[in-house]
Amino acid sequence: MSSPKAAVAEAANTHLSRFSLQASAEPGVMPRVLELFAKRGLVPDCWHSVVAQPGRTLSIDIEIDGLEGETVAYVANCMRQIAGVELVLTV
């Protein structure tokens, strides 16, 4: 059983990463983005997507906990290579 101090220290070491994407509203974009997490055995903690009219732009916001900074940068670069993805921002 862990102590409250250990739980606080463990929580401080985790890092919530956020990805924000803008892409063309095409059916294949979302599964290709999600695949980048799935093939690493990861499930995003939060996924929100919306299609803005009339430009048919797809906006996706993803939150996932526990990724290292190098992994965040790598996944973001992979997202930028997906056809239809126009912009990827990370926090």
N, C-alpha and C. Protein backbone atom coordinates (compact mmCIF):
# COMPACT_ATOMS: atom_id res chain seq x y z
N MET A 1 0.85 -1.18 0.00
CA MET A 1 0.00 0.00 0.00
C MET A 1 0.89 1.24 0.00
N SER A 2 0.60 2.20 -0.84
CA SER A 2 1.44 3.38 -0.94
C SER A 2 0.96 4.46 0.02
N SER A 3 1.89 5.28 0.43
CA SER A 3 1.56 6.38 1.34
C SER A 3 1.00 7.55 0.56
N PRO A 4 0.32 8.50 1.24
CA PRO A 4 -0.18 9.69 0.54
C PRO A 4 0.94 10.49 -0.12
N LYS A 5 2.12 10.53 0.53
CA LYS A 5 3.25 11.26 -0.06
C LYS A 5 3.71 10.60 -1.35
N ALA A 6 3.73 9.27 -1.37
CA ALA A 6 4.12 8.54 -2.58
C ALA A 6 3.12 8.78 -3.69
N ALA A 7 1.84 8.82 -3.35
CA ALA A 7 0.80 9.07 -4.35
C ALA A 7 0.94 10.46 -4.95
N VAL A 8 1.25 11.45 -4.11
CA VAL A 8 1.44 12.82 -4.60
C VAL A 8 2.67 12.89 -5.49
N ALA A 9 3.75 12.23 -5.09
CA ALA A 9 4.97 12.22 -5.89
C ALA A 9 4.73 11.54 -7.23
N GLU A 10 3.98 10.44 -7.22
CA GLU A 10 3.68 9.73 -8.46
C GLU A 10 2.82 10.60 -9.37
N ALA A 11 1.84 11.30 -8.82
CA ALA A 11 0.97 12.18 -9.61
C ALA A 11 1.78 13.33 -10.20
N ALA A 12 2.77 13.83 -9.45
CA ALA A 12 3.59 14.93 -9.94
C ALA A 12 4.48 14.50 -11.10
N ASN A 13 4.84 13.21 -11.15
CA ASN A 13 5.71 12.71 -12.21
C ASN A 13 4.96 12.41 -13.50
N THR A 14 3.64 12.25 -13.44
CA THR A 14 2.88 12.00 -14.66
C THR A 14 2.67 13.31 -15.39
N HIS A 15 2.53 13.22 -16.67
CA HIS A 15 2.41 14.41 -17.51
C HIS A 15 1.23 14.25 -18.44
N LEU A 16 0.28 15.17 -18.34
CA LEU A 16 -0.87 15.16 -19.23
C LEU A 16 -0.47 15.86 -20.52
N SER A 17 -0.55 15.14 -21.61
CA SER A 17 -0.20 15.69 -22.92
C SER A 17 -1.47 15.98 -23.69
N ARG A 18 -1.43 17.06 -24.45
CA ARG A 18 -2.59 17.45 -25.26
C ARG A 18 -2.14 17.62 -26.71
N PHE A 19 -2.95 17.09 -27.60
CA PHE A 19 -2.74 17.26 -29.03
C PHE A 19 -3.96 17.98 -29.58
N SER A 20 -3.76 18.96 -30.40
CA SER A 20 -4.85 19.67 -31.06
C SER A 20 -4.57 19.66 -32.55
N LEU A 21 -5.51 19.10 -33.32
CA LEU A 21 -5.31 18.95 -34.76
C LEU A 21 -6.40 19.66 -35.54
N GLN A 22 -6.05 20.13 -36.71
CA GLN A 22 -7.02 20.58 -37.69
C GLN A 22 -6.73 19.82 -38.97
N ALA A 23 -7.80 19.31 -39.58
CA ALA A 23 -7.63 18.48 -40.77
C ALA A 23 -8.84 18.63 -41.67
N SER A 24 -8.71 18.10 -42.87
CA SER A 24 -9.86 18.01 -43.77
C SER A 24 -10.83 17.00 -43.17
N ALA A 25 -12.12 17.28 -43.31
CA ALA A 25 -13.14 16.38 -42.76
C ALA A 25 -13.32 15.19 -43.69
N GLU A 26 -12.38 14.26 -43.62
CA GLU A 26 -12.41 13.05 -44.43
C GLU A 26 -12.56 11.86 -43.50
N PRO A 27 -13.27 10.82 -43.93
CA PRO A 27 -13.55 9.67 -43.06
C PRO A 27 -12.32 8.95 -42.52
N GLY A 28 -11.21 8.97 -43.21
CA GLY A 28 -10.04 8.21 -42.78
C GLY A 28 -9.13 8.91 -41.79
N VAL A 29 -9.34 10.19 -41.55
CA VAL A 29 -8.42 10.94 -40.70
C VAL A 29 -8.47 10.45 -39.25
N MET A 30 -9.65 10.35 -38.67
CA MET A 30 -9.75 9.97 -37.26
C MET A 30 -9.17 8.59 -36.97
N PRO A 31 -9.49 7.55 -37.76
CA PRO A 31 -8.88 6.25 -37.45
C PRO A 31 -7.37 6.24 -37.61
N ARG A 32 -6.84 7.01 -38.54
CA ARG A 32 -5.39 7.06 -38.71
C ARG A 32 -4.71 7.74 -37.53
N VAL A 33 -5.36 8.78 -36.98
CA VAL A 33 -4.83 9.45 -35.79
C VAL A 33 -4.89 8.50 -34.59
N LEU A 34 -6.03 7.86 -34.40
CA LEU A 34 -6.20 6.95 -33.27
C LEU A 34 -5.24 5.76 -33.35
N GLU A 35 -4.94 5.33 -34.56
CA GLU A 35 -4.01 4.20 -34.75
C GLU A 35 -2.63 4.49 -34.16
N LEU A 36 -2.21 5.74 -34.18
CA LEU A 36 -0.90 6.10 -33.62
C LEU A 36 -0.82 5.78 -32.13
N PHE A 37 -1.94 5.87 -31.43
CA PHE A 37 -1.99 5.51 -30.02
C PHE A 37 -2.19 4.01 -29.85
N ALA A 38 -3.08 3.45 -30.64
CA ALA A 38 -3.43 2.03 -30.50
C ALA A 38 -2.23 1.12 -30.73
N LYS A 39 -1.40 1.44 -31.71
CA LYS A 39 -0.26 0.55 -31.98
C LYS A 39 0.82 0.65 -30.90
N ARG A 40 0.68 1.61 -29.99
CA ARG A 40 1.56 1.71 -28.83
C ARG A 40 0.89 1.18 -27.57
N GLY A 41 -0.31 0.62 -27.74
CA GLY A 41 -1.06 0.06 -26.61
C GLY A 41 -1.65 1.14 -25.71
N LEU A 42 -1.93 2.31 -26.27
CA LEU A 42 -2.42 3.44 -25.49
C LEU A 42 -3.86 3.77 -25.86
N VAL A 43 -4.61 4.24 -24.88
CA VAL A 43 -5.97 4.73 -25.10
C VAL A 43 -6.00 6.18 -24.59
N PRO A 44 -6.34 7.15 -25.45
CA PRO A 44 -6.42 8.53 -24.98
C PRO A 44 -7.43 8.67 -23.84
N ASP A 45 -7.12 9.54 -22.89
CA ASP A 45 -8.01 9.80 -21.77
C ASP A 45 -9.23 10.61 -22.22
N CYS A 46 -9.03 11.45 -23.20
CA CYS A 46 -10.13 12.28 -23.71
C CYS A 46 -9.93 12.49 -25.21
N TRP A 47 -11.04 12.39 -25.95
CA TRP A 47 -11.02 12.62 -27.40
C TRP A 47 -12.25 13.45 -27.73
N HIS A 48 -12.06 14.58 -28.36
CA HIS A 48 -13.18 15.41 -28.78
C HIS A 48 -12.93 15.83 -30.21
N SER A 49 -13.93 15.60 -31.05
CA SER A 49 -13.80 16.01 -32.44
C SER A 49 -15.09 16.67 -32.89
N VAL A 50 -14.94 17.62 -33.80
CA VAL A 50 -16.09 18.35 -34.34
C VAL A 50 -15.76 18.79 -35.77
N VAL A 51 -16.78 18.78 -36.61
CA VAL A 51 -16.63 19.27 -37.97
C VAL A 51 -17.25 20.66 -38.04
N ALA A 52 -16.44 21.64 -38.46
CA ALA A 52 -16.92 23.01 -38.58
C ALA A 52 -17.46 23.23 -39.99
N GLN A 53 -18.61 23.80 -40.08
CA GLN A 53 -19.21 24.12 -41.37
C GLN A 53 -18.89 25.56 -41.70
N PRO A 54 -18.88 26.08 -42.87
CA PRO A 54 -19.08 25.37 -44.13
C PRO A 54 -17.78 24.83 -44.70
N GLY A 55 -16.63 25.12 -44.06
CA GLY A 55 -15.35 24.72 -44.63
C GLY A 55 -15.04 23.25 -44.50
N ARG A 56 -15.88 22.51 -43.76
CA ARG A 56 -15.67 21.07 -43.58
C ARG A 56 -14.31 20.79 -42.98
N THR A 57 -13.93 21.59 -41.99
CA THR A 57 -12.68 21.38 -41.28
C THR A 57 -12.94 20.53 -40.04
N LEU A 58 -12.15 19.51 -39.85
CA LEU A 58 -12.25 18.63 -38.70
C LEU A 58 -11.26 19.10 -37.64
N SER A 59 -11.77 19.35 -36.44
CA SER A 59 -10.92 19.70 -35.30
C SER A 59 -10.94 18.55 -34.32
N ILE A 60 -9.76 18.11 -33.89
CA ILE A 60 -9.63 17.01 -32.94
C ILE A 60 -8.76 17.47 -31.78
N ASP A 61 -9.27 17.27 -30.55
CA ASP A 61 -8.49 17.54 -29.34
C ASP A 61 -8.36 16.23 -28.59
N ILE A 62 -7.13 15.89 -28.23
CA ILE A 62 -6.82 14.62 -27.56
C ILE A 62 -6.02 14.91 -26.30
N GLU A 63 -6.37 14.23 -25.21
CA GLU A 63 -5.58 14.28 -23.98
C GLU A 63 -5.17 12.87 -23.61
N ILE A 64 -3.92 12.72 -23.20
CA ILE A 64 -3.42 11.42 -22.76
C ILE A 64 -2.37 11.64 -21.68
N ASP A 65 -2.43 10.82 -20.66
CA ASP A 65 -1.54 10.96 -19.53
C ASP A 65 -0.38 9.99 -19.62
N GLY A 66 0.78 10.42 -19.14
CA GLY A 66 1.91 9.52 -18.97
C GLY A 66 2.88 9.38 -20.12
N LEU A 67 2.77 10.20 -21.15
CA LEU A 67 3.72 10.10 -22.26
C LEU A 67 4.97 10.92 -21.97
N GLU A 68 6.10 10.39 -22.35
CA GLU A 68 7.37 11.12 -22.27
C GLU A 68 7.37 12.20 -23.34
N GLY A 69 8.15 13.25 -23.12
CA GLY A 69 8.23 14.36 -24.07
C GLY A 69 8.68 13.92 -25.46
N GLU A 70 9.62 12.98 -25.52
CA GLU A 70 10.09 12.48 -26.82
C GLU A 70 8.98 11.76 -27.57
N THR A 71 8.16 11.01 -26.84
CA THR A 71 7.05 10.29 -27.47
C THR A 71 6.00 11.26 -27.98
N VAL A 72 5.72 12.31 -27.21
CA VAL A 72 4.76 13.34 -27.64
C VAL A 72 5.23 13.97 -28.95
N ALA A 73 6.49 14.34 -29.02
CA ALA A 73 7.03 14.96 -30.23
C ALA A 73 6.98 13.99 -31.41
N TYR A 74 7.30 12.72 -31.17
CA TYR A 74 7.29 11.72 -32.24
C TYR A 74 5.87 11.50 -32.77
N VAL A 75 4.91 11.34 -31.86
CA VAL A 75 3.52 11.11 -32.28
C VAL A 75 3.00 12.33 -33.02
N ALA A 76 3.32 13.53 -32.54
CA ALA A 76 2.88 14.74 -33.23
C ALA A 76 3.45 14.81 -34.65
N ASN A 77 4.72 14.44 -34.81
CA ASN A 77 5.32 14.43 -36.15
C ASN A 77 4.65 13.38 -37.05
N CYS A 78 4.30 12.24 -36.47
CA CYS A 78 3.59 11.21 -37.25
C CYS A 78 2.21 11.73 -37.68
N MET A 79 1.54 12.46 -36.79
CA MET A 79 0.24 13.04 -37.14
C MET A 79 0.36 14.01 -38.30
N ARG A 80 1.44 14.76 -38.32
CA ARG A 80 1.65 15.74 -39.39
C ARG A 80 1.83 15.08 -40.76
N GLN A 81 2.20 13.81 -40.76
CA GLN A 81 2.41 13.07 -42.00
C GLN A 81 1.12 12.45 -42.55
N ILE A 82 0.05 12.48 -41.77
CA ILE A 82 -1.22 11.89 -42.20
C ILE A 82 -1.86 12.77 -43.25
N ALA A 83 -2.28 12.17 -44.35
CA ALA A 83 -2.93 12.91 -45.42
C ALA A 83 -4.19 13.60 -44.89
N GLY A 84 -4.31 14.87 -45.17
CA GLY A 84 -5.47 15.64 -44.74
C GLY A 84 -5.24 16.45 -43.48
N VAL A 85 -4.22 16.09 -42.69
CA VAL A 85 -3.91 16.84 -41.47
C VAL A 85 -3.18 18.10 -41.86
N GLU A 86 -3.71 19.23 -41.40
CA GLU A 86 -3.15 20.53 -41.78
C GLU A 86 -2.32 21.15 -40.68
N LEU A 87 -2.67 20.89 -39.40
CA LEU A 87 -2.00 21.54 -38.28
C LEU A 87 -2.05 20.64 -37.07
N VAL A 88 -0.92 20.52 -36.36
CA VAL A 88 -0.86 19.75 -35.11
C VAL A 88 -0.14 20.61 -34.08
N LEU A 89 -0.80 20.83 -32.95
CA LEU A 89 -0.21 21.56 -31.83
C LEU A 89 -0.16 20.64 -30.63
N THR A 90 0.86 20.78 -29.80
CA THR A 90 0.96 19.96 -28.59
C THR A 90 1.21 20.86 -27.39
N VAL A 91 0.80 20.35 -26.23
CA VAL A 91 1.05 21.02 -24.97
C VAL A 91 1.52 19.97 -24.00
